[in-house]
């Protein structure tokens, strides 16, 4: 009875921590930057889902290593992942700004009857490409970064491989549910302003700038510790 109560408490804690973990500013900023490229709430929701799946996948791998090999993630390695998160946020932000300013304008050269012509067109009003792989990859990186150490600390208290793996899955479920909800909400302003280019562009500029600022702050925060 006590063992069952302990397991239920551990799983409840894992789910709550998973929900809270998804609300970290760097997680929300990354998904927002990726979701800014779609005007569909459904696609935005799927981006959150794939972020959660990628996040859970790397946590599961790290958790198995902790449980089976009894190892811990070195502090410098955890900081390196956090540094990479900062770099990714900066890159995502720059990409959002670039696409917003350029309006996805492309130049194409075509040849007709021996004469070459250059055509200019824009995909600004077309549907966004599928960025599920990008969201999955960013989620996987976040799963390795610093705040995930909280999950591994609690995981270390698990008294069996089964309870440990179950804890990871419940923690991951919590993060998936939270990010799925967040990404759906994130998609609303991009969808509602899809027919108002100025308002949509302004939101994207704010999104890109916020991602860059947060990324730089993360890099600045962890760089001294990495260099010591």
Protein backbone atom coordinates (compact mmCIF):
# COMPACT_ATOMS: atom_id res chain seq x y z
CA UNK A 1 0.00 0.00 0.00
CA UNK A 2 2.80 2.38 0.94
CA UNK A 3 4.67 1.49 -2.23
CA UNK A 4 1.59 2.24 -4.37
CA UNK A 5 1.08 5.55 -2.55
CA UNK A 6 4.74 6.46 -3.12
CA UNK A 7 4.46 5.64 -6.83
CA UNK A 8 1.27 7.68 -7.23
CA UNK A 9 2.85 10.65 -5.47
CA UNK A 10 5.95 10.35 -7.65
CA UNK A 11 3.86 10.25 -10.83
CA UNK A 12 1.71 13.18 -9.73
CA UNK A 13 4.85 15.17 -9.02
CA UNK A 14 6.28 14.20 -12.41
CA UNK A 15 3.16 15.33 -14.27
CA UNK A 16 3.04 18.68 -12.44
CA UNK A 17 6.75 19.31 -13.00
CA UNK A 18 6.28 18.41 -16.67
CA UNK A 19 3.51 20.99 -16.97
CA UNK A 20 5.65 23.64 -15.30
CA UNK A 21 8.75 22.71 -17.27
CA UNK A 22 7.02 23.40 -20.59
CA UNK A 23 6.26 26.93 -19.41
CA UNK A 24 9.93 27.90 -19.26
CA UNK A 25 10.53 31.09 -21.22
CA UNK A 26 13.05 29.55 -23.61
CA UNK A 27 10.62 26.74 -24.49
CA UNK A 28 7.75 29.12 -25.20
CA UNK A 29 10.00 31.49 -27.17
CA UNK A 30 11.33 28.69 -29.39
CA UNK A 31 7.89 27.27 -30.21
CA UNK A 32 6.52 30.77 -30.80
CA UNK A 33 9.32 31.53 -33.26
CA UNK A 34 8.66 28.30 -35.17
CA UNK A 35 4.86 28.71 -35.03
CA UNK A 36 5.13 32.24 -36.44
CA UNK A 37 5.71 30.66 -39.84
CA UNK A 38 2.25 29.13 -39.98
CA UNK A 39 -1.17 30.76 -40.05
CA UNK A 40 -2.99 27.58 -39.05
CA UNK A 41 -3.96 26.93 -35.43
CA UNK A 42 -3.95 23.21 -36.16
CA UNK A 43 -0.39 23.32 -37.48
CA UNK A 44 0.68 25.48 -34.57
CA UNK A 45 -0.77 22.90 -32.17
CA UNK A 46 1.08 20.11 -33.96
CA UNK A 47 4.35 22.03 -33.57
CA UNK A 48 3.79 22.04 -29.81
CA UNK A 49 3.05 18.32 -29.92
CA UNK A 50 6.24 17.55 -31.83
CA UNK A 51 8.26 19.74 -29.45
CA UNK A 52 6.90 17.69 -26.57
CA UNK A 53 7.69 14.40 -28.31
CA UNK A 54 11.27 15.46 -29.02
CA UNK A 55 11.65 16.70 -25.46
CA UNK A 56 10.35 13.43 -24.02
CA UNK A 57 12.50 11.30 -26.33
CA UNK A 58 15.80 12.76 -25.10
CA UNK A 59 14.63 12.74 -21.49
CA UNK A 60 13.81 9.06 -21.85
CA UNK A 61 17.28 8.30 -23.23
CA UNK A 62 18.97 10.35 -20.49
CA UNK A 63 16.77 8.74 -17.84
CA UNK A 64 17.63 5.22 -19.00
CA UNK A 65 21.34 6.07 -18.77
CA UNK A 66 20.87 7.44 -15.26
CA UNK A 67 18.87 4.41 -14.10
CA UNK A 68 20.92 1.66 -15.74
CA UNK A 69 24.44 3.07 -15.55
CA UNK A 70 23.98 5.13 -12.39
CA UNK A 71 25.61 8.13 -14.02
CA UNK A 72 24.88 11.83 -13.79
CA UNK A 73 25.10 14.50 -16.45
CA UNK A 74 28.31 16.54 -15.93
CA UNK A 75 27.67 20.19 -15.13
CA UNK A 76 29.78 21.44 -18.04
CA UNK A 77 27.84 19.24 -20.46
CA UNK A 78 24.51 20.50 -19.12
CA UNK A 79 25.77 24.07 -19.49
CA UNK A 80 26.86 23.32 -23.05
CA UNK A 81 23.34 22.19 -23.92
CA UNK A 82 21.98 25.36 -22.30
CA UNK A 83 24.43 27.41 -24.38
CA UNK A 84 23.21 25.65 -27.53
CA UNK A 85 19.63 26.50 -26.58
CA UNK A 86 20.64 30.16 -26.48
CA UNK A 87 22.29 29.89 -29.88
CA UNK A 88 19.24 28.16 -31.35
CA UNK A 89 16.95 30.89 -30.00
CA UNK A 90 19.11 33.55 -31.63
CA UNK A 91 19.11 31.67 -34.94
CA UNK A 92 15.33 31.16 -34.80
CA UNK A 93 14.80 34.83 -34.04
CA UNK A 94 17.04 35.97 -36.88
CA UNK A 95 15.24 33.60 -39.24
CA UNK A 96 11.86 35.05 -38.24
CA UNK A 97 13.11 38.61 -38.83
CA UNK A 98 14.71 37.67 -42.14
CA UNK A 99 11.55 36.07 -43.48
CA UNK A 100 9.41 38.93 -42.22
CA UNK A 101 11.53 41.61 -43.87
CA UNK A 102 12.05 39.69 -47.09
CA UNK A 103 8.44 38.52 -47.36
CA UNK A 104 9.82 35.22 -48.70
CA UNK A 105 10.60 36.80 -52.07
CA UNK A 106 12.36 34.52 -54.54
CA UNK A 107 14.06 35.11 -57.87
CA UNK A 108 13.78 32.39 -60.48
CA UNK A 109 15.40 32.24 -63.89
CA UNK A 110 13.46 30.54 -66.70
CA UNK A 111 14.33 29.97 -70.30
CA UNK A 112 11.67 30.40 -73.02
CA UNK A 113 12.51 29.81 -76.68
CA UNK A 114 16.16 30.41 -76.00
CA UNK A 115 15.59 33.63 -74.07
CA UNK A 116 16.18 33.68 -70.33
CA UNK A 117 13.78 35.55 -68.06
CA UNK A 118 13.93 36.29 -64.35
CA UNK A 119 10.69 36.02 -62.44
CA UNK A 120 10.08 37.47 -58.99
CA UNK A 121 7.39 36.02 -56.75
CA UNK A 122 6.53 35.72 -53.10
CA UNK A 123 5.26 32.89 -50.88
CA UNK A 124 4.21 35.32 -48.18
CA UNK A 125 0.52 34.45 -48.55
CA UNK A 126 1.02 30.74 -49.11
CA UNK A 127 0.85 28.04 -46.49
CA UNK A 128 3.94 27.54 -44.35
CA UNK A 129 6.15 24.56 -44.95
CA UNK A 130 6.04 21.71 -42.51
CA UNK A 131 8.34 22.54 -39.58
CA UNK A 132 7.51 19.53 -37.43
CA UNK A 133 11.08 18.24 -37.73
CA UNK A 134 12.44 21.58 -36.54
CA UNK A 135 10.11 21.64 -33.56
CA UNK A 136 11.00 18.03 -32.68
CA UNK A 137 14.74 18.82 -32.85
CA UNK A 138 14.43 21.94 -30.71
CA UNK A 139 12.35 20.00 -28.18
CA UNK A 140 15.02 17.30 -28.09
CA UNK A 141 17.70 19.90 -27.37
CA UNK A 142 15.58 21.42 -24.61
CA UNK A 143 15.25 17.95 -23.12
CA UNK A 144 19.02 17.87 -22.68
CA UNK A 145 19.37 21.40 -21.37
CA UNK A 146 19.72 22.67 -17.82
CA UNK A 147 16.18 22.77 -16.44
CA UNK A 148 15.66 19.11 -17.35
CA UNK A 149 18.16 18.33 -14.58
CA UNK A 150 15.27 18.88 -12.17
CA UNK A 151 13.56 15.86 -13.68
CA UNK A 152 16.73 13.77 -13.39
CA UNK A 153 17.20 14.75 -9.75
CA UNK A 154 13.75 13.45 -8.86
CA UNK A 155 14.32 10.44 -11.11
CA UNK A 156 17.35 9.52 -9.02
CA UNK A 157 15.00 8.86 -6.09
CA UNK A 158 13.02 6.24 -8.05
CA UNK A 159 13.36 2.85 -6.39
CA UNK A 160 13.11 0.77 -9.59
CA UNK A 161 13.64 0.89 -13.33
CA UNK A 162 9.90 0.56 -13.89
CA UNK A 163 8.94 3.47 -11.63
CA UNK A 164 11.76 5.58 -13.09
CA UNK A 165 10.71 5.03 -16.69
CA UNK A 166 7.05 5.54 -15.77
CA UNK A 167 8.03 8.82 -14.11
CA UNK A 168 9.79 10.02 -17.29
CA UNK A 169 6.77 9.17 -19.43
CA UNK A 170 4.39 10.99 -17.08
CA UNK A 171 6.75 13.97 -16.90
CA UNK A 172 6.89 13.95 -20.69
CA UNK A 173 3.11 13.69 -20.91
CA UNK A 174 2.82 16.75 -18.70
CA UNK A 175 5.18 18.73 -20.92
CA UNK A 176 3.35 17.58 -24.07
CA UNK A 177 -0.06 18.57 -22.70
CA UNK A 178 1.24 21.97 -21.58
CA UNK A 179 3.08 22.75 -24.82
CA UNK A 180 0.17 21.54 -26.96
CA UNK A 181 -2.07 23.98 -25.10
CA UNK A 182 0.46 26.80 -25.27
CA UNK A 183 1.17 26.33 -28.99
CA UNK A 184 -2.57 26.38 -29.73
CA UNK A 185 -2.87 29.70 -27.91
CA UNK A 186 0.27 30.96 -29.67
CA UNK A 187 -1.30 30.18 -33.04
CA UNK A 188 -4.32 32.41 -32.39
CA UNK A 189 -2.73 35.85 -32.98
CA UNK A 190 -0.93 34.65 -36.12
CA UNK A 191 -4.20 33.22 -37.45
CA UNK A 192 -6.33 36.24 -36.51
CA UNK A 193 -3.90 38.68 -38.17
CA UNK A 194 -3.20 36.50 -41.23
CA UNK A 195 -5.23 38.84 -43.44
CA UNK A 196 -3.68 41.97 -41.95
CA UNK A 197 -0.09 42.00 -43.15
CA UNK A 198 1.04 44.97 -41.07
CA UNK A 199 -0.29 43.59 -37.78
CA UNK A 200 0.97 40.09 -38.62
CA UNK A 201 4.38 41.47 -39.51
CA UNK A 202 4.54 43.46 -36.27
CA UNK A 203 3.78 40.38 -34.19
CA UNK A 204 6.47 38.44 -36.05
CA UNK A 205 9.01 41.20 -35.50
CA UNK A 206 8.26 41.18 -31.78
CA UNK A 207 8.51 37.38 -31.75
CA UNK A 208 11.84 37.37 -33.55
CA UNK A 209 13.31 40.14 -31.40
CA UNK A 210 12.16 38.46 -28.17
CA UNK A 211 13.73 35.16 -29.24
CA UNK A 212 17.05 36.88 -29.98
CA UNK A 213 17.08 38.83 -26.70
CA UNK A 214 16.28 35.72 -24.65
CA UNK A 215 18.87 33.67 -26.55
CA UNK A 216 21.58 36.28 -25.97
CA UNK A 217 20.71 36.48 -22.27
CA UNK A 218 21.03 32.68 -21.95
CA UNK A 219 24.38 32.69 -23.75
CA UNK A 220 25.62 35.56 -21.59
CA UNK A 221 24.45 33.77 -18.45
CA UNK A 222 26.17 30.42 -19.06
CA UNK A 223 29.28 31.52 -20.96
CA UNK A 224 31.34 32.55 -17.89
CA UNK A 225 30.72 29.17 -16.24
CA UNK A 226 31.68 27.35 -19.45
CA UNK A 227 34.95 29.27 -19.73
CA UNK A 228 36.08 28.62 -16.16
